[in-house]
Amino acid sequence: MKASDELAHGLQAILVDLIDLSLEGKQAHWNIVGSNFRDLHLQLDEVVATARLHADEVAERLRALHSVPDGRASTVAKTTSLKEGSEGLVTTSDAIDRVVAALEATCSTVRGVYEAVEKDDAATTDILNQIILQLEKLAWMVSAEKANTATA
């Protein structure tokens, strides 16, 4: 099967966001400071590993569908839906907010192309379902680092 333009474009958008998510996760991992540093530092490695795993799956699916993935830095910078992270040190609280926002934005991209992907290639939706399940779980787990039990 050859991917339609719509399918290839949707998978490319997901790929770009996953690559950017892994970069944002590493940036936060290297530069967080503050309370609960160690736990969040390790948790960010899990976010990065998950994003990289899924980016590879999406890129390989694009190739299996006779399309060419583009993971170049310039492409990621121009086409990501994630907000640019700030440079310098970041508090654990701000890092949690940024990473959760990046996880949720990536899930939004996946959900945004889901229908088109399902229409063109139902088999690929298995990959998308796994991405959504794992990223939403990570968003919940990372956000729980800041949860207030009085309002939870």
Protein backbone atom coordinates (compact mmCIF):
# COMPACT_ATOMS: atom_id res chain seq x y z
CA MET A 1 0.00 0.00 0.00
CA LYS A 2 1.18 3.52 -0.75
CA ALA A 3 0.23 6.30 1.66
CA SER A 4 -2.10 8.98 0.38
CA ASP A 5 -0.86 12.55 0.67
CA GLU A 6 -3.23 13.10 3.59
CA LEU A 7 -1.99 10.01 5.43
CA ALA A 8 1.67 10.87 4.83
CA HIS A 9 1.11 14.48 5.91
CA GLY A 10 -0.65 13.36 9.11
CA LEU A 11 2.07 10.88 10.04
CA GLN A 12 4.74 13.49 9.27
CA ALA A 13 3.03 15.94 11.66
CA ILE A 14 3.03 13.30 14.39
CA LEU A 15 6.68 12.46 13.72
CA VAL A 16 7.72 16.11 14.02
CA ASP A 17 5.88 16.57 17.32
CA LEU A 18 7.37 13.37 18.75
CA ILE A 19 10.88 14.47 17.80
CA ASP A 20 10.27 17.89 19.33
CA LEU A 21 8.77 16.29 22.46
CA SER A 22 11.94 14.26 22.93
CA LEU A 23 14.05 17.42 22.54
CA GLU A 24 11.89 19.42 24.95
CA GLY A 25 12.05 16.57 27.45
CA LYS A 26 15.84 16.44 27.28
CA GLN A 27 16.14 20.22 27.54
CA ALA A 28 14.07 20.14 30.73
CA HIS A 29 15.95 17.06 31.99
CA TRP A 30 19.28 18.85 31.73
CA ASN A 31 18.16 22.16 33.22
CA ILE A 32 15.63 21.52 35.97
CA VAL A 33 16.32 22.77 39.47
CA GLY A 34 14.28 22.72 42.63
CA SER A 35 12.29 20.44 44.84
CA ASN A 36 11.72 16.88 43.69
CA PHE A 37 14.54 17.30 41.17
CA ARG A 38 15.67 13.66 41.17
CA ASP A 39 12.24 12.11 40.58
CA LEU A 40 11.38 14.52 37.78
CA HIS A 41 14.86 14.19 36.26
CA LEU A 42 14.31 10.42 35.94
CA GLN A 43 10.70 10.79 34.82
CA LEU A 44 11.79 13.09 31.98
CA ASP A 45 14.06 10.33 30.69
CA GLU A 46 10.96 8.14 30.43
CA VAL A 47 9.17 10.84 28.42
CA VAL A 48 12.16 11.15 26.08
CA ALA A 49 12.50 7.38 25.61
CA THR A 50 8.79 7.03 24.85
CA ALA A 51 8.83 9.91 22.36
CA ARG A 52 11.89 8.51 20.60
CA LEU A 53 10.41 5.00 20.43
CA HIS A 54 7.19 6.27 18.88
CA ALA A 55 9.01 8.64 16.51
CA ASP A 56 10.92 5.66 15.17
CA GLU A 57 7.71 3.63 14.80
CA VAL A 58 5.99 6.45 12.91
CA ALA A 59 9.00 7.05 10.64
CA GLU A 60 9.27 3.35 9.86
CA ARG A 61 5.54 3.18 9.16
CA LEU A 62 5.94 6.05 6.71
CA ARG A 63 8.68 4.08 4.93
CA ALA A 64 6.53 0.93 4.93
CA LEU A 65 3.86 3.04 3.20
CA HIS A 66 6.39 4.21 0.59
CA SER A 67 6.68 7.73 1.96
CA VAL A 68 9.77 9.57 3.13
CA PRO A 69 9.85 10.81 6.75
CA ASP A 70 11.60 14.12 7.41
CA GLY A 71 13.14 14.43 10.84
CA ARG A 72 15.66 17.13 10.05
CA ALA A 73 16.12 19.81 12.68
CA SER A 74 15.01 22.53 10.27
CA THR A 75 11.80 20.65 9.46
CA VAL A 76 11.04 20.05 13.12
CA ALA A 77 11.67 23.71 13.97
CA LYS A 78 9.42 24.95 11.13
CA THR A 79 6.51 22.52 11.51
CA THR A 80 6.15 21.46 15.14
CA SER A 81 2.93 22.29 16.95
CA LEU A 82 4.74 22.42 20.30
CA LYS A 83 5.58 25.75 21.89
CA GLU A 84 9.27 26.55 21.99
CA GLY A 85 10.82 25.92 25.37
CA SER A 86 12.87 28.58 27.05
CA GLU A 87 16.60 28.44 27.51
CA GLY A 88 18.37 28.40 30.83
CA LEU A 89 17.46 26.82 34.11
CA VAL A 90 13.86 25.88 34.76
CA THR A 91 12.18 25.14 38.07
CA THR A 92 10.68 21.72 38.57
CA SER A 93 7.23 23.33 38.68
CA ASP A 94 7.73 25.11 35.35
CA ALA A 95 9.28 22.01 33.81
CA ILE A 96 6.22 19.99 34.79
CA ASP A 97 3.92 22.56 33.18
CA ARG A 98 5.98 22.69 29.99
CA VAL A 99 6.38 18.95 29.59
CA VAL A 100 2.71 18.25 30.30
CA ALA A 101 1.76 20.91 27.73
CA ALA A 102 4.11 19.30 25.18
CA LEU A 103 2.68 15.83 25.89
CA GLU A 104 -0.87 17.13 25.52
CA ALA A 105 -0.03 19.05 22.32
CA THR A 106 1.48 15.90 20.81
CA CYS A 107 -1.63 13.91 21.75
CA SER A 108 -3.74 16.63 20.15
CA THR A 109 -1.77 16.29 16.91
CA VAL A 110 -2.31 12.52 16.95
CA ARG A 111 -6.02 12.90 17.63
CA GLY A 112 -6.26 15.59 14.94
CA VAL A 113 -5.11 13.24 12.18
CA TYR A 114 -6.67 10.07 13.59
CA GLU A 115 -9.79 10.11 11.43
CA ALA A 116 -7.88 10.63 8.21
CA VAL A 117 -5.40 7.91 9.12
CA GLU A 118 -8.20 5.51 10.03
CA LYS A 119 -9.93 6.20 6.71
CA ASP A 120 -6.79 5.54 4.65
CA ASP A 121 -5.03 2.86 6.70
CA ALA A 122 -6.84 1.32 9.66
CA ALA A 123 -3.73 -0.71 10.53
CA THR A 124 -1.81 2.45 11.36
CA THR A 125 -4.37 3.41 13.99
CA ASP A 126 -2.90 0.68 16.21
CA ILE A 127 0.30 2.73 16.37
CA LEU A 128 -1.65 5.93 17.03
CA ASN A 129 -3.64 4.30 19.83
CA GLN A 130 -0.43 3.25 21.58
CA ILE A 131 1.01 6.73 21.25
CA ILE A 132 -2.11 8.32 22.76
CA LEU A 133 -2.32 5.78 25.59
CA GLN A 134 1.32 6.14 26.60
CA LEU A 135 1.60 9.91 26.24
CA GLU A 136 -1.63 10.58 28.13
CA LYS A 137 -0.42 8.28 30.91
CA LEU A 138 2.88 10.16 31.06
CA ALA A 139 1.04 13.52 31.13
CA TRP A 140 -0.99 12.30 34.10
CA MET A 141 2.07 10.95 35.91
CA VAL A 142 4.19 14.06 35.35
CA SER A 143 1.33 16.40 36.30
CA ALA A 144 0.80 14.39 39.50
CA GLU A 145 4.18 15.70 40.68
CA LYS A 146 2.44 19.05 41.26
CA ALA A 147 -0.98 17.84 42.37
CA ASN A 148 -2.45 19.33 45.50
CA THR A 149 -4.32 16.65 47.43
CA ALA A 150 -6.80 19.24 48.69
CA THR A 151 -7.97 19.94 45.11
CA ALA A 152 -7.26 16.57 43.46
